[in-house]
Amino acid sequence: KIANNTMDDDAIRDTSMVVIFGRPGAGKTTISQAAVHLLDNDGIDDNDSGLKDPKMYHHLYLDLDVCVPQWMRDNFSKGMYSTLLQRAEFISNACDYVNEEIASYSKTDNKPSVTIVSFSFVNTDLRTAFRSAFPHAKWILVDTTKRMSEKRISAREGHFYKNASQNNVEKDKDRERIGDVMDEDDDNSEWEFKPVDFPHVVLNGSDSVEDNAKRIVDIISHEISL
């Protein structure tokens, strides 16, 4: 459960959270929305999930892409990644958004039993800040290769990471030509997805959306039953 005292304490404390994360283009939003659809419509076999009535679990879905300001999206499209300071401000605002949405939902409906959050969480600093704000969240990685994710991004219209990959490839080639070597802090400022060094569940991003959505519902069922 989530321990946080900044908003509606009861609603936040009594809400389980799962975080769906992975490379840009991994399919996090699509899989998360499919899981929400199952929860909304009881569209999963009881024997598969143990979830007798998903609709009894009031759920809230939040895609943190909505927190990305336009200037940051514009910079991404130019291959310009945000600084540590800019990312710190972003994730602070994103955490406030999550708290506010949980509190708002609780005032208009029953308290959400589970909050589903999706976001790339590319950098370690973003993950650390969010885990500090929501220390008991269950993290689920949609695992894909860089090549697969980039292929999916290139096929999407309007994705704000669409041009970032190619721009960073060109930057890497330039570094190779001039012999520039980045240290860890510089590398962490780039858009490359960082290795995950904390406990998490792994979903195979090559599996079908339906299968991964069912696995998320399984995890939600287990989390709520604890």
Protein backbone atom coordinates (compact mmCIF):
# COMPACT_ATOMS: atom_id res chain seq x y z
CA LYS A 1 0.00 0.00 0.00
CA ILE A 2 1.07 3.60 -0.54
CA ALA A 3 2.30 5.69 2.35
CA ASN A 4 1.96 9.38 1.59
CA ASN A 5 0.67 12.26 3.68
CA THR A 6 0.45 15.06 1.12
CA MET A 7 -3.16 14.68 0.00
CA ASP A 8 -6.12 12.57 1.07
CA ASP A 9 -4.20 10.26 3.41
CA ASP A 10 -6.84 7.55 3.68
CA ALA A 11 -7.36 7.23 -0.07
CA ILE A 12 -3.66 7.19 -0.86
CA ARG A 13 -2.71 4.86 1.98
CA ASP A 14 -5.41 2.33 1.10
CA THR A 15 -4.61 2.20 -2.61
CA SER A 16 -2.30 -0.42 -4.12
CA MET A 17 -0.24 0.72 -7.09
CA VAL A 18 1.31 -1.00 -10.08
CA VAL A 19 3.74 0.86 -12.34
CA ILE A 20 3.99 -0.27 -15.97
CA PHE A 21 7.30 0.95 -17.39
CA GLY A 22 9.80 0.26 -20.15
CA ARG A 23 11.44 1.74 -23.20
CA PRO A 24 9.54 4.33 -25.21
CA GLY A 25 7.65 2.28 -27.78
CA ALA A 26 7.50 -0.85 -25.61
CA GLY A 27 3.69 -0.85 -25.66
CA LYS A 28 3.09 0.21 -22.06
CA THR A 29 0.03 2.33 -22.77
CA THR A 30 -1.60 -0.25 -25.05
CA ILE A 31 -1.04 -3.08 -22.56
CA SER A 32 -2.17 -0.95 -19.61
CA GLN A 33 -5.35 0.08 -21.40
CA ALA A 34 -6.04 -3.56 -22.28
CA ALA A 35 -5.66 -4.49 -18.59
CA VAL A 36 -8.02 -1.68 -17.63
CA HIS A 37 -10.50 -2.97 -20.22
CA LEU A 38 -10.42 -6.39 -18.56
CA LEU A 39 -11.02 -4.80 -15.18
CA ASP A 40 -13.87 -2.72 -16.59
CA ASN A 41 -15.62 -5.55 -18.41
CA ASP A 42 -14.86 -8.72 -16.49
CA GLY A 43 -13.24 -9.95 -19.70
CA ILE A 44 -11.00 -12.61 -18.21
CA ASP A 45 -11.61 -16.22 -17.27
CA ASP A 46 -11.87 -16.69 -13.51
CA ASN A 47 -9.71 -19.79 -13.69
CA ASP A 48 -6.94 -17.82 -15.37
CA SER A 49 -6.80 -14.92 -12.96
CA GLY A 50 -8.57 -15.84 -9.76
CA LEU A 51 -10.36 -12.53 -10.16
CA LYS A 52 -14.00 -13.41 -9.57
CA ASP A 53 -15.34 -9.97 -10.28
CA PRO A 54 -12.78 -7.43 -11.53
CA LYS A 55 -15.36 -4.65 -11.30
CA MET A 56 -15.37 -4.97 -7.52
CA TYR A 57 -11.83 -3.56 -7.64
CA HIS A 58 -12.19 0.15 -8.22
CA HIS A 59 -9.25 1.15 -10.33
CA LEU A 60 -7.64 4.34 -11.56
CA TYR A 61 -5.42 4.46 -14.65
CA LEU A 62 -2.88 7.27 -15.03
CA ASP A 63 -0.57 7.74 -18.01
CA LEU A 64 2.18 10.13 -16.91
CA ASP A 65 2.79 11.19 -20.51
CA VAL A 66 0.09 13.79 -19.84
CA CYS A 67 2.52 15.44 -17.40
CA VAL A 68 5.17 16.00 -20.09
CA PRO A 69 5.03 19.72 -20.98
CA GLN A 70 4.98 20.82 -24.60
CA TRP A 71 8.44 22.42 -24.46
CA MET A 72 9.88 19.11 -23.28
CA ARG A 73 8.09 17.22 -26.08
CA ASP A 74 9.48 19.73 -28.60
CA ASN A 75 12.98 19.21 -27.25
CA PHE A 76 12.61 15.43 -27.42
CA SER A 77 11.62 15.67 -31.08
CA LYS A 78 14.87 17.59 -31.69
CA GLY A 79 16.95 15.00 -29.84
CA MET A 80 17.44 17.32 -26.83
CA TYR A 81 16.99 15.44 -23.58
CA SER A 82 16.05 17.17 -20.33
CA THR A 83 18.61 18.07 -17.68
CA LEU A 84 18.65 16.53 -14.22
CA LEU A 85 17.11 19.71 -12.79
CA GLN A 86 14.35 19.75 -15.38
CA ARG A 87 13.62 16.07 -14.77
CA ALA A 88 13.51 16.64 -11.00
CA GLU A 89 10.85 19.31 -11.49
CA PHE A 90 8.94 17.08 -13.90
CA ILE A 91 8.82 14.04 -11.62
CA SER A 92 7.86 16.17 -8.62
CA ASN A 93 4.91 17.52 -10.61
CA ALA A 94 4.06 14.01 -11.80
CA CYS A 95 3.97 12.69 -8.22
CA ASP A 96 1.70 15.57 -7.23
CA TYR A 97 -0.54 14.71 -10.19
CA VAL A 98 -0.84 11.09 -9.07
CA ASN A 99 -1.72 12.11 -5.51
CA GLU A 100 -4.26 14.66 -6.71
CA GLU A 101 -5.93 12.18 -9.07
CA ILE A 102 -6.24 9.54 -6.34
CA ALA A 103 -7.74 12.09 -3.97
CA SER A 104 -10.09 13.44 -6.66
CA TYR A 105 -11.27 9.94 -7.64
CA SER A 106 -11.98 9.16 -3.99
CA LYS A 107 -14.26 12.18 -3.66
CA THR A 108 -16.43 11.25 -6.66
CA ASP A 109 -16.43 7.45 -6.42
CA ASN A 110 -15.29 4.69 -4.14
CA LYS A 111 -11.64 4.70 -3.16
CA PRO A 112 -9.56 3.06 -5.90
CA SER A 113 -8.35 -0.37 -4.79
CA VAL A 114 -5.51 -0.06 -7.28
CA THR A 115 -3.90 2.73 -9.24
CA ILE A 116 -2.23 1.73 -12.51
CA VAL A 117 0.53 4.11 -13.63
CA SER A 118 2.26 3.88 -16.99
CA PHE A 119 5.38 5.79 -18.01
CA SER A 120 8.77 5.04 -19.53
CA PHE A 121 10.89 5.93 -16.48
CA VAL A 122 13.93 5.90 -18.73
CA ASN A 123 16.39 7.35 -16.20
CA THR A 124 17.37 6.17 -12.75
CA ASP A 125 16.71 9.57 -11.16
CA LEU A 126 13.07 9.48 -12.28
CA ARG A 127 12.61 5.98 -10.88
CA THR A 128 14.30 6.85 -7.59
CA ALA A 129 12.10 9.91 -7.05
CA PHE A 130 8.87 8.05 -7.86
CA ARG A 131 9.82 5.08 -5.70
CA SER A 132 10.55 7.47 -2.84
CA ALA A 133 7.08 9.00 -3.21
CA PHE A 134 5.35 5.61 -3.61
CA PRO A 135 7.65 3.09 -1.92
CA HIS A 136 5.25 0.14 -1.98
CA ALA A 137 4.33 0.27 -5.65
CA LYS A 138 4.75 -2.90 -7.69
CA TRP A 139 6.88 -2.27 -10.78
CA ILE A 140 6.23 -4.19 -14.01
CA LEU A 141 8.75 -3.88 -16.84
CA VAL A 142 7.54 -4.35 -20.42
CA ASP A 143 10.81 -5.74 -21.73
CA THR A 144 11.68 -5.03 -25.37
CA THR A 145 14.86 -4.62 -27.35
CA LYS A 146 15.96 -1.17 -28.40
CA ARG A 147 15.47 -2.15 -32.04
CA MET A 148 11.90 -3.33 -31.47
CA SER A 149 10.95 -0.20 -29.54
CA GLU A 150 12.42 2.11 -32.15
CA LYS A 151 10.57 0.27 -34.91
CA ARG A 152 7.29 0.71 -33.05
CA ILE A 153 7.95 4.41 -32.41
CA SER A 154 8.75 5.02 -36.08
CA ALA A 155 5.34 3.57 -37.01
CA ARG A 156 3.45 5.95 -34.72
CA GLU A 157 2.12 9.34 -35.65
CA GLY A 158 2.93 12.17 -33.28
CA HIS A 159 5.00 10.22 -30.74
CA PHE A 160 7.27 12.77 -29.05
CA TYR A 161 10.20 10.33 -29.01
CA LYS A 162 9.90 9.70 -32.73
CA ASN A 163 12.89 11.79 -33.83
CA ALA A 164 14.90 11.43 -30.63
CA SER A 165 16.30 8.01 -31.46
CA GLN A 166 17.69 8.97 -34.86
CA ASN A 167 19.09 12.22 -33.51
CA ASN A 168 20.90 10.37 -30.73
CA VAL A 169 22.28 7.83 -33.21
CA GLU A 170 23.79 10.72 -35.15
CA LYS A 171 25.21 12.18 -31.92
CA ASP A 172 26.80 8.84 -31.06
CA LYS A 173 28.42 8.69 -34.50
CA ASP A 174 29.76 12.21 -34.00
CA ARG A 175 31.24 11.22 -30.62
CA GLU A 176 32.93 8.22 -32.22
CA ARG A 177 34.46 10.43 -34.90
CA ILE A 178 35.88 12.96 -32.42
CA GLY A 179 36.77 10.41 -29.74
CA ASP A 180 34.50 11.99 -27.11
CA VAL A 181 33.86 9.83 -24.04
CA MET A 182 30.85 10.41 -21.79
CA ASP A 183 30.97 9.81 -18.05
CA GLU A 184 28.08 8.18 -16.17
CA ASP A 185 26.41 11.49 -15.31
CA ASP A 186 26.44 12.55 -18.96
CA ASP A 187 25.12 9.17 -20.04
CA ASN A 188 22.28 9.39 -17.52
CA SER A 189 21.11 12.63 -19.15
CA GLU A 190 20.49 10.85 -22.46
CA TRP A 191 17.29 9.07 -23.43
CA GLU A 192 18.80 5.56 -23.34
CA PHE A 193 16.84 3.20 -21.10
CA LYS A 194 18.83 2.43 -17.95
CA PRO A 195 19.19 -1.05 -16.41
CA VAL A 196 16.73 -1.71 -13.59
CA ASP A 197 18.41 -2.34 -10.23
CA PHE A 198 15.40 -2.93 -7.97
CA PRO A 199 12.82 -5.75 -7.68
CA HIS A 200 10.33 -5.82 -10.54
CA VAL A 201 8.21 -8.16 -12.63
CA VAL A 202 9.21 -8.66 -16.26
CA LEU A 203 6.73 -8.99 -19.12
CA ASN A 204 7.97 -10.10 -22.52
CA GLY A 205 7.21 -7.20 -24.82
CA SER A 206 7.08 -9.61 -27.76
CA ASP A 207 4.08 -11.43 -26.26
CA SER A 208 0.59 -10.43 -27.28
CA VAL A 209 -1.11 -7.43 -25.73
CA GLU A 210 -3.87 -9.73 -24.48
CA ASP A 211 -1.47 -12.09 -22.70
CA ASN A 212 0.44 -9.28 -21.03
CA ALA A 213 -2.80 -7.56 -20.00
CA LYS A 214 -3.95 -10.79 -18.32
CA ARG A 215 -0.64 -11.02 -16.47
CA ILE A 216 -1.11 -7.50 -15.16
CA VAL A 217 -4.61 -8.37 -13.95
CA ASP A 218 -3.13 -11.44 -12.22
CA ILE A 219 -0.62 -9.21 -10.44
CA ILE A 220 -3.32 -6.72 -9.45
CA SER A 221 -5.44 -9.54 -8.04
CA HIS A 222 -2.50 -10.74 -5.98
CA GLU A 223 -1.59 -7.25 -4.77
CA ILE A 224 -5.13 -6.45 -3.64
CA SER A 225 -5.48 -9.79 -1.87
CA LEU A 226 -2.43 -9.13 0.30
